[in-house]
Each structure stands twice: as structure tokens, then as C-alpha cells.
Amino acid sequence: MVKCFFNLWLSIYVKPESRRLGIARKMMNEGEKGLKEMGCSQVGSDIQIDNQTSYDFHTEIGFKEAGRLIAFIKDL
């Protein structure tokens, strides 16, 4: 049974000169704490396929690759 489901766009960006100081990790920890308090047991994230810095960060904080997606766009 799903206790909670959110489809929320949230971006974390730390300027290059401020990286490797634990800022993004602290932000993620606080976000995960709030989700746990709401009964959530899992969080997802996505990144651009060529963003190695973000990929490394995600794997360092415990994310595992769950699959790869194709994004679509259509002009109106």
C-alpha cells in the first residue's frame, strides 16, 4: 500500500565554488526527514544523462539507478 505519493519538482543546485562542503547533502537530509515524517518510504530523482557531477552525488548519498527515461517535447 502506498502511504504517500508526491509529484514535486524540486531542484538542488550548489555553485561550483561551494561544492564538496556538504550543503546539498544537508538539504537532501532535511527533505528526506520531512518525507519520512509524512510516511513516505522512498524518494526518486532524475538528472540529465551527461551530468556526471550529479550522478556521483546521487550515488554517494545512496540513490541507485532504477532505469533510464526518454523525455518528449512537442511544439504547439
N, C-alpha and C. Protein backbone atom coordinates (compact mmCIF):
# COMPACT_ATOMS: atom_id res chain seq x y z
N MET A 1 0.84 -1.18 0.00
CA MET A 1 0.00 0.00 0.00
C MET A 1 0.89 1.25 0.00
N VAL A 2 0.56 2.19 -0.85
CA VAL A 2 1.29 3.45 -0.93
C VAL A 2 0.73 4.39 0.13
N LYS A 3 1.59 4.83 1.04
CA LYS A 3 1.16 5.75 2.09
C LYS A 3 1.17 7.19 1.60
N CYS A 4 2.11 7.51 0.75
CA CYS A 4 2.13 8.87 0.22
C CYS A 4 2.77 8.86 -1.16
N PHE A 5 2.34 9.76 -1.98
CA PHE A 5 2.93 9.91 -3.30
C PHE A 5 2.90 11.39 -3.65
N PHE A 6 4.03 11.95 -3.96
CA PHE A 6 4.11 13.33 -4.37
C PHE A 6 4.81 13.40 -5.71
N ASN A 7 4.30 14.21 -6.58
CA ASN A 7 4.98 14.52 -7.83
C ASN A 7 5.38 15.98 -7.72
N LEU A 8 6.58 16.19 -7.25
CA LEU A 8 7.04 17.53 -6.92
C LEU A 8 8.35 17.80 -7.63
N TRP A 9 8.44 18.93 -8.28
CA TRP A 9 9.70 19.33 -8.91
C TRP A 9 10.47 20.17 -7.92
N LEU A 10 11.60 19.71 -7.53
CA LEU A 10 12.46 20.43 -6.61
C LEU A 10 13.89 20.28 -7.11
N SER A 11 14.57 21.37 -7.23
CA SER A 11 15.95 21.31 -7.70
C SER A 11 16.89 21.77 -6.60
N ILE A 12 17.99 21.08 -6.51
CA ILE A 12 19.07 21.49 -5.61
C ILE A 12 20.25 21.82 -6.49
N TYR A 13 20.74 23.03 -6.38
CA TYR A 13 21.91 23.43 -7.14
C TYR A 13 22.86 24.16 -6.20
N VAL A 14 24.09 23.73 -6.19
CA VAL A 14 25.12 24.38 -5.40
C VAL A 14 26.18 24.89 -6.37
N LYS A 15 26.52 26.15 -6.26
CA LYS A 15 27.53 26.73 -7.15
C LYS A 15 28.84 25.95 -7.04
N PRO A 16 29.54 25.81 -8.15
CA PRO A 16 30.78 25.02 -8.15
C PRO A 16 31.76 25.39 -7.03
N GLU A 17 31.90 26.68 -6.74
CA GLU A 17 32.86 27.09 -5.72
C GLU A 17 32.41 26.72 -4.29
N SER A 18 31.16 26.33 -4.14
CA SER A 18 30.64 25.95 -2.82
C SER A 18 30.38 24.45 -2.69
N ARG A 19 30.79 23.69 -3.68
CA ARG A 19 30.56 22.24 -3.65
C ARG A 19 31.56 21.53 -2.75
N ARG A 20 31.20 20.30 -2.40
CA ARG A 20 32.01 19.42 -1.55
C ARG A 20 32.10 19.95 -0.12
N LEU A 21 31.11 20.76 0.28
CA LEU A 21 31.05 21.27 1.65
C LEU A 21 29.88 20.67 2.43
N GLY A 22 29.14 19.77 1.79
CA GLY A 22 28.02 19.12 2.47
C GLY A 22 26.70 19.87 2.38
N ILE A 23 26.63 20.93 1.59
CA ILE A 23 25.42 21.74 1.50
C ILE A 23 24.26 20.96 0.90
N ALA A 24 24.48 20.36 -0.26
CA ALA A 24 23.41 19.60 -0.92
C ALA A 24 23.01 18.38 -0.08
N ARG A 25 23.97 17.75 0.54
CA ARG A 25 23.69 16.60 1.40
C ARG A 25 22.78 17.01 2.57
N LYS A 26 23.07 18.15 3.18
CA LYS A 26 22.24 18.65 4.29
C LYS A 26 20.83 18.94 3.80
N MET A 27 20.71 19.54 2.61
CA MET A 27 19.39 19.85 2.06
C MET A 27 18.61 18.56 1.80
N MET A 28 19.27 17.57 1.24
CA MET A 28 18.61 16.29 0.99
C MET A 28 18.20 15.61 2.29
N ASN A 29 19.08 15.64 3.29
CA ASN A 29 18.75 15.02 4.57
C ASN A 29 17.50 15.65 5.19
N GLU A 30 17.40 16.96 5.12
CA GLU A 30 16.21 17.64 5.67
C GLU A 30 14.96 17.28 4.87
N GLY A 31 15.09 17.24 3.55
CA GLY A 31 13.95 16.86 2.73
C GLY A 31 13.50 15.43 3.00
N GLU A 32 14.45 14.52 3.13
CA GLU A 32 14.12 13.13 3.41
C GLU A 32 13.49 12.99 4.80
N LYS A 33 13.97 13.77 5.75
CA LYS A 33 13.40 13.75 7.10
C LYS A 33 11.92 14.13 7.04
N GLY A 34 11.61 15.18 6.31
CA GLY A 34 10.22 15.61 6.17
C GLY A 34 9.36 14.56 5.49
N LEU A 35 9.88 13.91 4.46
CA LEU A 35 9.13 12.87 3.76
C LEU A 35 8.86 11.68 4.68
N LYS A 36 9.86 11.30 5.47
CA LYS A 36 9.66 10.19 6.42
C LYS A 36 8.58 10.53 7.43
N GLU A 37 8.57 11.78 7.90
CA GLU A 37 7.56 12.21 8.86
C GLU A 37 6.15 12.13 8.27
N MET A 38 6.05 12.25 6.95
CA MET A 38 4.75 12.15 6.27
C MET A 38 4.40 10.71 5.91
N GLY A 39 5.28 9.77 6.24
CA GLY A 39 5.00 8.37 5.99
C GLY A 39 5.57 7.82 4.71
N CYS A 40 6.35 8.61 4.00
CA CYS A 40 6.96 8.14 2.76
C CYS A 40 8.12 7.20 3.06
N SER A 41 8.30 6.23 2.20
CA SER A 41 9.38 5.27 2.40
C SER A 41 10.38 5.26 1.24
N GLN A 42 10.17 6.13 0.25
CA GLN A 42 11.05 6.14 -0.91
C GLN A 42 11.00 7.51 -1.56
N VAL A 43 12.11 7.90 -2.15
CA VAL A 43 12.18 9.16 -2.90
C VAL A 43 12.89 8.88 -4.22
N GLY A 44 12.46 9.56 -5.25
CA GLY A 44 13.07 9.40 -6.57
C GLY A 44 13.72 10.69 -7.02
N SER A 45 14.56 10.60 -8.00
CA SER A 45 15.24 11.77 -8.53
C SER A 45 15.62 11.49 -9.98
N ASP A 46 15.78 12.55 -10.75
CA ASP A 46 16.28 12.36 -12.11
C ASP A 46 17.31 13.44 -12.43
N ILE A 47 18.17 13.12 -13.37
CA ILE A 47 19.24 14.03 -13.77
C ILE A 47 19.42 13.94 -15.29
N GLN A 48 20.10 14.92 -15.84
CA GLN A 48 20.48 14.85 -17.24
C GLN A 48 21.52 13.74 -17.40
N ILE A 49 21.43 13.00 -18.47
CA ILE A 49 22.27 11.81 -18.65
C ILE A 49 23.76 12.14 -18.68
N ASP A 50 24.13 13.36 -19.06
CA ASP A 50 25.54 13.72 -19.15
C ASP A 50 26.05 14.49 -17.92
N ASN A 51 25.24 14.55 -16.85
CA ASN A 51 25.63 15.30 -15.66
C ASN A 51 26.32 14.36 -14.66
N GLN A 52 27.60 14.12 -14.90
CA GLN A 52 28.36 13.19 -14.07
C GLN A 52 28.48 13.66 -12.62
N THR A 53 28.59 14.97 -12.42
CA THR A 53 28.69 15.51 -11.06
C THR A 53 27.45 15.14 -10.25
N SER A 54 26.27 15.33 -10.84
CA SER A 54 25.03 14.99 -10.16
C SER A 54 24.89 13.49 -9.97
N TYR A 55 25.30 12.72 -10.97
CA TYR A 55 25.26 11.26 -10.86
C TYR A 55 26.10 10.79 -9.68
N ASP A 56 27.31 11.31 -9.60
CA ASP A 56 28.21 10.95 -8.50
C ASP A 56 27.60 11.32 -7.14
N PHE A 57 27.03 12.52 -7.06
CA PHE A 57 26.39 12.95 -5.81
C PHE A 57 25.27 12.00 -5.42
N HIS A 58 24.39 11.69 -6.37
CA HIS A 58 23.26 10.80 -6.07
C HIS A 58 23.73 9.44 -5.56
N THR A 59 24.71 8.87 -6.21
CA THR A 59 25.18 7.55 -5.77
C THR A 59 25.89 7.63 -4.42
N GLU A 60 26.58 8.74 -4.17
CA GLU A 60 27.25 8.92 -2.87
C GLU A 60 26.26 8.98 -1.71
N ILE A 61 25.06 9.50 -1.95
CA ILE A 61 24.09 9.62 -0.85
C ILE A 61 23.07 8.48 -0.85
N GLY A 62 23.32 7.44 -1.63
CA GLY A 62 22.52 6.24 -1.52
C GLY A 62 21.51 5.96 -2.62
N PHE A 63 21.39 6.84 -3.60
CA PHE A 63 20.49 6.56 -4.71
C PHE A 63 21.06 5.44 -5.57
N LYS A 64 20.17 4.64 -6.14
CA LYS A 64 20.56 3.59 -7.08
C LYS A 64 19.83 3.84 -8.38
N GLU A 65 20.51 3.58 -9.47
CA GLU A 65 19.89 3.77 -10.78
C GLU A 65 18.73 2.78 -10.93
N ALA A 66 17.55 3.31 -11.25
CA ALA A 66 16.36 2.47 -11.37
C ALA A 66 15.95 2.26 -12.82
N GLY A 67 16.53 3.00 -13.72
CA GLY A 67 16.18 2.88 -15.13
C GLY A 67 16.56 4.16 -15.85
N ARG A 68 16.33 4.16 -17.12
CA ARG A 68 16.61 5.35 -17.92
C ARG A 68 15.35 5.71 -18.68
N LEU A 69 15.10 7.01 -18.80
CA LEU A 69 13.88 7.50 -19.42
C LEU A 69 14.20 8.27 -20.71
N ILE A 70 13.21 8.35 -21.54
CA ILE A 70 13.27 9.21 -22.71
C ILE A 70 12.30 10.35 -22.47
N ALA A 71 12.76 11.58 -22.61
CA ALA A 71 11.90 12.74 -22.43
C ALA A 71 11.37 13.19 -23.78
N PHE A 72 10.12 13.57 -23.82
CA PHE A 72 9.48 14.02 -25.05
C PHE A 72 9.07 15.48 -24.91
N ILE A 73 9.05 16.17 -26.05
CA ILE A 73 8.56 17.54 -26.10
C ILE A 73 7.81 17.71 -27.42
N LYS A 74 6.82 18.56 -27.42
CA LYS A 74 6.02 18.80 -28.63
C LYS A 74 5.69 20.25 -28.74
N ASP A 75 6.03 20.86 -29.87
CA ASP A 75 5.66 22.25 -30.10
C ASP A 75 4.17 22.33 -30.39
N LEU A 76 3.55 23.38 -29.92
CA LEU A 76 2.11 23.60 -30.15
C LEU A 76 1.90 24.70 -31.17
